[in-house]
Amino acid sequence: MTEKVRIVNRIECSETTFWELFRSQDYNQNIFLKRMNFPRWEITRLEEKGDRVERTVEVEPYIGELPPAVKKVIGERICYREEGSLNIPEKCYELRVISNVLPSKILVSGSQRTEKVDEHTVNRIFEMEVQVKIFGVGGLIEKSIVADLKKGYNLGAVYTNEYIREQGLR
């Protein structure tokens, strides 16, 4: 079975500023390492190719309490590589996530885009599909990943808006 998630967050900046922040190592490290306490979040590749930006990020997210059945399968920590492509004119980032644990059985992909609300406000729309092909616990792991995505993106939106205010951005 596949779990799908759609998360919409209001971000208090222009679309131009949002996508500039998206590509900024300083912003991302501030959000993920300092505010969300990820042990690792690093852009390892960022290439501009015409109207596209290709990006690879190596991530070890902060993991809270996991259900025992999930912990038994994936262990105490998980790392992943995010590979994505930002279509600048379309303002859409498509990505896939490759887990360090059972990468052929844990399939995660999706997109992030923005919709302009006004000159200084956008809706960030994140849509993801999560499929875990592990008999007996796949659905539980899918639900755990989706719950973590919701928590992380909602918290990230709060931190992003704080960062925007602190930096005097619009």
C-alpha atoms as a PDB file:
ATOM      1  CA  MET A   1       0.000   0.000   0.000  1.00  0.00           C
ATOM      2  CA  THR A   2       1.115   3.590  -0.544  1.00  0.00           C
ATOM      3  CA  GLU A   3       0.619   6.464   1.882  1.00  0.00           C
ATOM      4  CA  LYS A   4       0.172   9.916   0.362  1.00  0.00           C
ATOM      5  CA  VAL A   5       0.576  13.206   2.166  1.00  0.00           C
ATOM      6  CA  ARG A   6      -0.156  16.802   1.197  1.00  0.00           C
ATOM      7  CA  ILE A   7       1.094  19.576   3.464  1.00  0.00           C
ATOM      8  CA  VAL A   8       0.360  23.260   2.839  1.00  0.00           C
ATOM      9  CA  ASN A   9       2.180  25.932   4.840  1.00  0.00           C
ATOM     10  CA  ARG A  10       1.932  29.716   4.642  1.00  0.00           C
ATOM     11  CA  ILE A  11       5.401  31.260   4.253  1.00  0.00           C
ATOM     12  CA  GLU A  12       5.751  35.017   4.750  1.00  0.00           C
ATOM     13  CA  CYS A  13       7.951  35.956   1.791  1.00  0.00           C
ATOM     14  CA  SER A  14       7.853  36.373  -1.972  1.00  0.00           C
ATOM     15  CA  GLU A  15       8.266  33.384  -4.278  1.00  0.00           C
ATOM     16  CA  THR A  16      11.665  34.724  -5.348  1.00  0.00           C
ATOM     17  CA  THR A  17      12.871  34.882  -1.732  1.00  0.00           C
ATOM     18  CA  PHE A  18      11.451  31.420  -0.966  1.00  0.00           C
ATOM     19  CA  TRP A  19      13.364  29.743  -3.791  1.00  0.00           C
ATOM     20  CA  GLU A  20      16.544  31.714  -3.005  1.00  0.00           C
ATOM     21  CA  LEU A  21      16.323  30.409   0.579  1.00  0.00           C
ATOM     22  CA  PHE A  22      15.689  26.911  -0.738  1.00  0.00           C
ATOM     23  CA  ARG A  23      19.084  27.016  -2.486  1.00  0.00           C
ATOM     24  CA  SER A  24      20.904  28.684   0.431  1.00  0.00           C
ATOM     25  CA  GLN A  25      23.300  26.516   2.442  1.00  0.00           C
ATOM     26  CA  ASP A  26      23.229  29.071   5.300  1.00  0.00           C
ATOM     27  CA  TYR A  27      19.430  29.059   5.602  1.00  0.00           C
ATOM     28  CA  ASN A  28      19.142  25.281   5.336  1.00  0.00           C
ATOM     29  CA  GLN A  29      21.847  24.605   7.887  1.00  0.00           C
ATOM     30  CA  ASN A  30      20.246  27.135  10.242  1.00  0.00           C
ATOM     31  CA  ILE A  31      16.835  25.462   9.920  1.00  0.00           C
ATOM     32  CA  PHE A  32      17.855  21.802   9.903  1.00  0.00           C
ATOM     33  CA  LEU A  33      20.987  21.710  12.065  1.00  0.00           C
ATOM     34  CA  LYS A  34      20.357  24.485  14.590  1.00  0.00           C
ATOM     35  CA  ARG A  35      16.582  24.645  14.904  1.00  0.00           C
ATOM     36  CA  MET A  36      15.441  21.107  14.074  1.00  0.00           C
ATOM     37  CA  ASN A  37      18.488  19.384  15.596  1.00  0.00           C
ATOM     38  CA  PHE A  38      19.315  17.152  12.642  1.00  0.00           C
ATOM     39  CA  PRO A  39      22.704  15.497  13.230  1.00  0.00           C
ATOM     40  CA  ARG A  40      23.455  16.012   9.500  1.00  0.00           C
ATOM     41  CA  TRP A  41      21.981  18.071   6.680  1.00  0.00           C
ATOM     42  CA  GLU A  42      24.339  18.957   3.873  1.00  0.00           C
ATOM     43  CA  ILE A  43      23.892  20.025   0.264  1.00  0.00           C
ATOM     44  CA  THR A  44      26.502  17.895  -1.501  1.00  0.00           C
ATOM     45  CA  ARG A  45      25.583  18.920  -5.042  1.00  0.00           C
ATOM     46  CA  LEU A  46      23.960  22.075  -6.363  1.00  0.00           C
ATOM     47  CA  GLU A  47      24.177  22.586 -10.128  1.00  0.00           C
ATOM     48  CA  GLU A  48      22.359  25.187 -12.189  1.00  0.00           C
ATOM     49  CA  LYS A  49      21.483  23.831 -15.626  1.00  0.00           C
ATOM     50  CA  GLY A  50      19.593  26.452 -17.603  1.00  0.00           C
ATOM     51  CA  ASP A  51      16.159  26.797 -16.027  1.00  0.00           C
ATOM     52  CA  ARG A  52      16.748  23.866 -13.644  1.00  0.00           C
ATOM     53  CA  VAL A  53      18.715  23.395 -10.441  1.00  0.00           C
ATOM     54  CA  GLU A  54      19.850  19.861  -9.590  1.00  0.00           C
ATOM     55  CA  ARG A  55      20.430  19.231  -5.901  1.00  0.00           C
ATOM     56  CA  THR A  56      21.601  16.340  -3.732  1.00  0.00           C
ATOM     57  CA  VAL A  57      21.316  16.514   0.039  1.00  0.00           C
ATOM     58  CA  GLU A  58      22.752  14.040   2.557  1.00  0.00           C
ATOM     59  CA  VAL A  59      20.530  13.872   5.633  1.00  0.00           C
ATOM     60  CA  GLU A  60      20.436  12.282   9.053  1.00  0.00           C
ATOM     61  CA  PRO A  61      17.195  13.568  10.560  1.00  0.00           C
ATOM     62  CA  TYR A  62      16.410  13.853  14.228  1.00  0.00           C
ATOM     63  CA  ILE A  63      14.325  10.798  15.018  1.00  0.00           C
ATOM     64  CA  GLY A  64      12.084  10.789  18.054  1.00  0.00           C
ATOM     65  CA  GLU A  65      10.548   7.718  19.563  1.00  0.00           C
ATOM     66  CA  LEU A  66       9.854   5.014  17.025  1.00  0.00           C
ATOM     67  CA  PRO A  67       7.400   2.144  17.443  1.00  0.00           C
ATOM     68  CA  PRO A  68       9.310  -1.015  18.474  1.00  0.00           C
ATOM     69  CA  ALA A  69       8.351  -2.840  15.237  1.00  0.00           C
ATOM     70  CA  VAL A  70       9.764   0.032  13.159  1.00  0.00           C
ATOM     71  CA  LYS A  71      12.935   0.190  15.251  1.00  0.00           C
ATOM     72  CA  LYS A  72      13.470  -3.543  14.765  1.00  0.00           C
ATOM     73  CA  VAL A  73      13.455  -3.120  10.976  1.00  0.00           C
ATOM     74  CA  ILE A  74      15.293   0.183  10.478  1.00  0.00           C
ATOM     75  CA  GLY A  75      17.391   0.425  13.641  1.00  0.00           C
ATOM     76  CA  GLU A  76      18.055   3.388  15.922  1.00  0.00           C
ATOM     77  CA  ARG A  77      18.913   5.874  13.198  1.00  0.00           C
ATOM     78  CA  ILE A  78      18.233   6.430   9.568  1.00  0.00           C
ATOM     79  CA  CYS A  79      20.074   8.445   6.952  1.00  0.00           C
ATOM     80  CA  TYR A  80      18.996   9.252   3.452  1.00  0.00           C
ATOM     81  CA  ARG A  81      20.020  11.010   0.277  1.00  0.00           C
ATOM     82  CA  GLU A  82      17.552  13.400  -1.313  1.00  0.00           C
ATOM     83  CA  GLU A  83      17.963  13.838  -5.061  1.00  0.00           C
ATOM     84  CA  GLY A  84      15.921  16.558  -6.644  1.00  0.00           C
ATOM     85  CA  SER A  85      15.447  18.940  -9.510  1.00  0.00           C
ATOM     86  CA  LEU A  86      14.005  22.441  -9.233  1.00  0.00           C
ATOM     87  CA  ASN A  87      12.188  23.695 -12.323  1.00  0.00           C
ATOM     88  CA  ILE A  88      12.678  27.454 -11.849  1.00  0.00           C
ATOM     89  CA  PRO A  89       9.948  28.725 -14.236  1.00  0.00           C
ATOM     90  CA  GLU A  90       7.405  26.247 -12.810  1.00  0.00           C
ATOM     91  CA  LYS A  91       8.528  26.886  -9.191  1.00  0.00           C
ATOM     92  CA  CYS A  92       8.412  23.156  -8.536  1.00  0.00           C
ATOM     93  CA  TYR A  93      10.990  20.874  -6.922  1.00  0.00           C
ATOM     94  CA  GLU A  94      10.641  17.165  -7.662  1.00  0.00           C
ATOM     95  CA  LEU A  95      12.509  14.764  -5.434  1.00  0.00           C
ATOM     96  CA  ARG A  96      13.142  11.209  -4.457  1.00  0.00           C
ATOM     97  CA  VAL A  97      14.592   9.941  -1.229  1.00  0.00           C
ATOM     98  CA  ILE A  98      17.037   7.040  -1.070  1.00  0.00           C
ATOM     99  CA  SER A  99      17.259   5.472   2.378  1.00  0.00           C
ATOM    100  CA  ASN A 100      20.420   3.925   3.789  1.00  0.00           C
ATOM    101  CA  VAL A 101      18.195   1.123   5.123  1.00  0.00           C
ATOM    102  CA  LEU A 102      16.468  -1.187   2.621  1.00  0.00           C
ATOM    103  CA  PRO A 103      16.522   1.328  -0.256  1.00  0.00           C
ATOM    104  CA  SER A 104      14.781  -1.074  -2.658  1.00  0.00           C
ATOM    105  CA  LYS A 105      11.916  -1.564  -0.198  1.00  0.00           C
ATOM    106  CA  ILE A 106      11.432   2.009   1.071  1.00  0.00           C
ATOM    107  CA  LEU A 107      10.277   4.211  -1.814  1.00  0.00           C
ATOM    108  CA  VAL A 108       9.700   7.911  -1.187  1.00  0.00           C
ATOM    109  CA  SER A 109       9.131  10.568  -3.844  1.00  0.00           C
ATOM    110  CA  GLY A 110       7.233  13.775  -4.311  1.00  0.00           C
ATOM    111  CA  SER A 111       7.278  17.469  -5.023  1.00  0.00           C
ATOM    112  CA  GLN A 112       7.321  20.875  -3.422  1.00  0.00           C
ATOM    113  CA  ARG A 113       5.920  23.941  -5.124  1.00  0.00           C
ATOM    114  CA  THR A 114       4.720  27.401  -4.250  1.00  0.00           C
ATOM    115  CA  GLU A 115       1.570  29.344  -4.969  1.00  0.00           C
ATOM    116  CA  LYS A 116       1.681  33.101  -4.657  1.00  0.00           C
ATOM    117  CA  VAL A 117      -0.842  34.476  -2.139  1.00  0.00           C
ATOM    118  CA  ASP A 118       0.301  38.103  -2.396  1.00  0.00           C
ATOM    119  CA  GLU A 119       3.567  40.016  -2.943  1.00  0.00           C
ATOM    120  CA  HIS A 120       5.028  38.855   0.381  1.00  0.00           C
ATOM    121  CA  THR A 121       3.264  35.554   1.036  1.00  0.00           C
ATOM    122  CA  VAL A 122       3.286  32.111  -0.571  1.00  0.00           C
ATOM    123  CA  ASN A 123       1.753  28.757   0.162  1.00  0.00           C
ATOM    124  CA  ARG A 124       4.368  26.019   0.158  1.00  0.00           C
ATOM    125  CA  ILE A 125       2.708  22.846  -1.084  1.00  0.00           C
ATOM    126  CA  PHE A 126       4.485  19.593  -0.353  1.00  0.00           C
ATOM    127  CA  GLU A 127       3.141  16.311  -1.761  1.00  0.00           C
ATOM    128  CA  MET A 128       4.788  12.978  -1.128  1.00  0.00           C
ATOM    129  CA  GLU A 129       4.152   9.295  -1.729  1.00  0.00           C
ATOM    130  CA  VAL A 130       5.615   6.755   0.655  1.00  0.00           C
ATOM    131  CA  GLN A 131       5.662   3.034  -0.086  1.00  0.00           C
ATOM    132  CA  VAL A 132       7.327   0.463   2.155  1.00  0.00           C
ATOM    133  CA  LYS A 133       7.437  -3.093   0.811  1.00  0.00           C
ATOM    134  CA  ILE A 134       8.116  -5.006   4.026  1.00  0.00           C
ATOM    135  CA  PHE A 135       5.668  -7.734   4.956  1.00  0.00           C
ATOM    136  CA  GLY A 136       3.874  -7.189   8.231  1.00  0.00           C
ATOM    137  CA  VAL A 137       5.277  -3.758   9.107  1.00  0.00           C
ATOM    138  CA  GLY A 138       5.256  -1.828   5.811  1.00  0.00           C
ATOM    139  CA  GLY A 139       2.046   0.048   6.590  1.00  0.00           C
ATOM    140  CA  LEU A 140       3.259   0.927  10.081  1.00  0.00           C
ATOM    141  CA  ILE A 141       6.532   2.301   8.702  1.00  0.00           C
ATOM    142  CA  GLU A 142       4.663   4.277   6.013  1.00  0.00           C
ATOM    143  CA  LYS A 143       2.429   5.870   8.650  1.00  0.00           C
ATOM    144  CA  SER A 144       5.468   6.667  10.814  1.00  0.00           C
ATOM    145  CA  ILE A 145       7.267   8.356   7.894  1.00  0.00           C
ATOM    146  CA  VAL A 146       4.155  10.376   6.961  1.00  0.00           C
ATOM    147  CA  ALA A 147       3.630  11.491  10.576  1.00  0.00           C
ATOM    148  CA  ASP A 148       7.275  12.575  10.752  1.00  0.00           C
ATOM    149  CA  LEU A 149       6.959  14.460   7.433  1.00  0.00           C
ATOM    150  CA  LYS A 150       3.900  16.358   8.691  1.00  0.00           C
ATOM    151  CA  LYS A 151       5.564  17.253  11.963  1.00  0.00           C
ATOM    152  CA  GLY A 152       8.820  18.278  10.262  1.00  0.00           C
ATOM    153  CA  TYR A 153       7.275  20.390   7.502  1.00  0.00           C
ATOM    154  CA  ASN A 154       4.905  22.185   9.891  1.00  0.00           C
ATOM    155  CA  LEU A 155       7.729  22.914  12.331  1.00  0.00           C
ATOM    156  CA  GLY A 156       9.999  23.896   9.439  1.00  0.00           C
ATOM    157  CA  ALA A 157       7.409  26.453   8.290  1.00  0.00           C
ATOM    158  CA  VAL A 158       7.400  28.060  11.742  1.00  0.00           C
ATOM    159  CA  TYR A 159      11.206  28.212  11.762  1.00  0.00           C
ATOM    160  CA  THR A 160      11.303  29.502   8.180  1.00  0.00           C
ATOM    161  CA  ASN A 161       8.974  32.382   9.027  1.00  0.00           C
ATOM    162  CA  GLU A 162      11.088  33.185  12.118  1.00  0.00           C
ATOM    163  CA  TYR A 163      14.258  33.146   9.979  1.00  0.00           C
ATOM    164  CA  ILE A 164      12.642  35.426   7.379  1.00  0.00           C
ATOM    165  CA  ARG A 165      11.682  37.947  10.096  1.00  0.00           C
ATOM    166  CA  GLU A 166      15.114  37.743  11.797  1.00  0.00           C
ATOM    167  CA  GLN A 167      16.893  38.374   8.476  1.00  0.00           C
ATOM    168  CA  GLY A 168      14.513  41.158   7.432  1.00  0.00           C
ATOM    169  CA  LEU A 169      13.578  39.321   4.226  1.00  0.00           C
ATOM    170  CA  ARG A 170      10.416  39.633   2.176  1.00  0.00           C
END
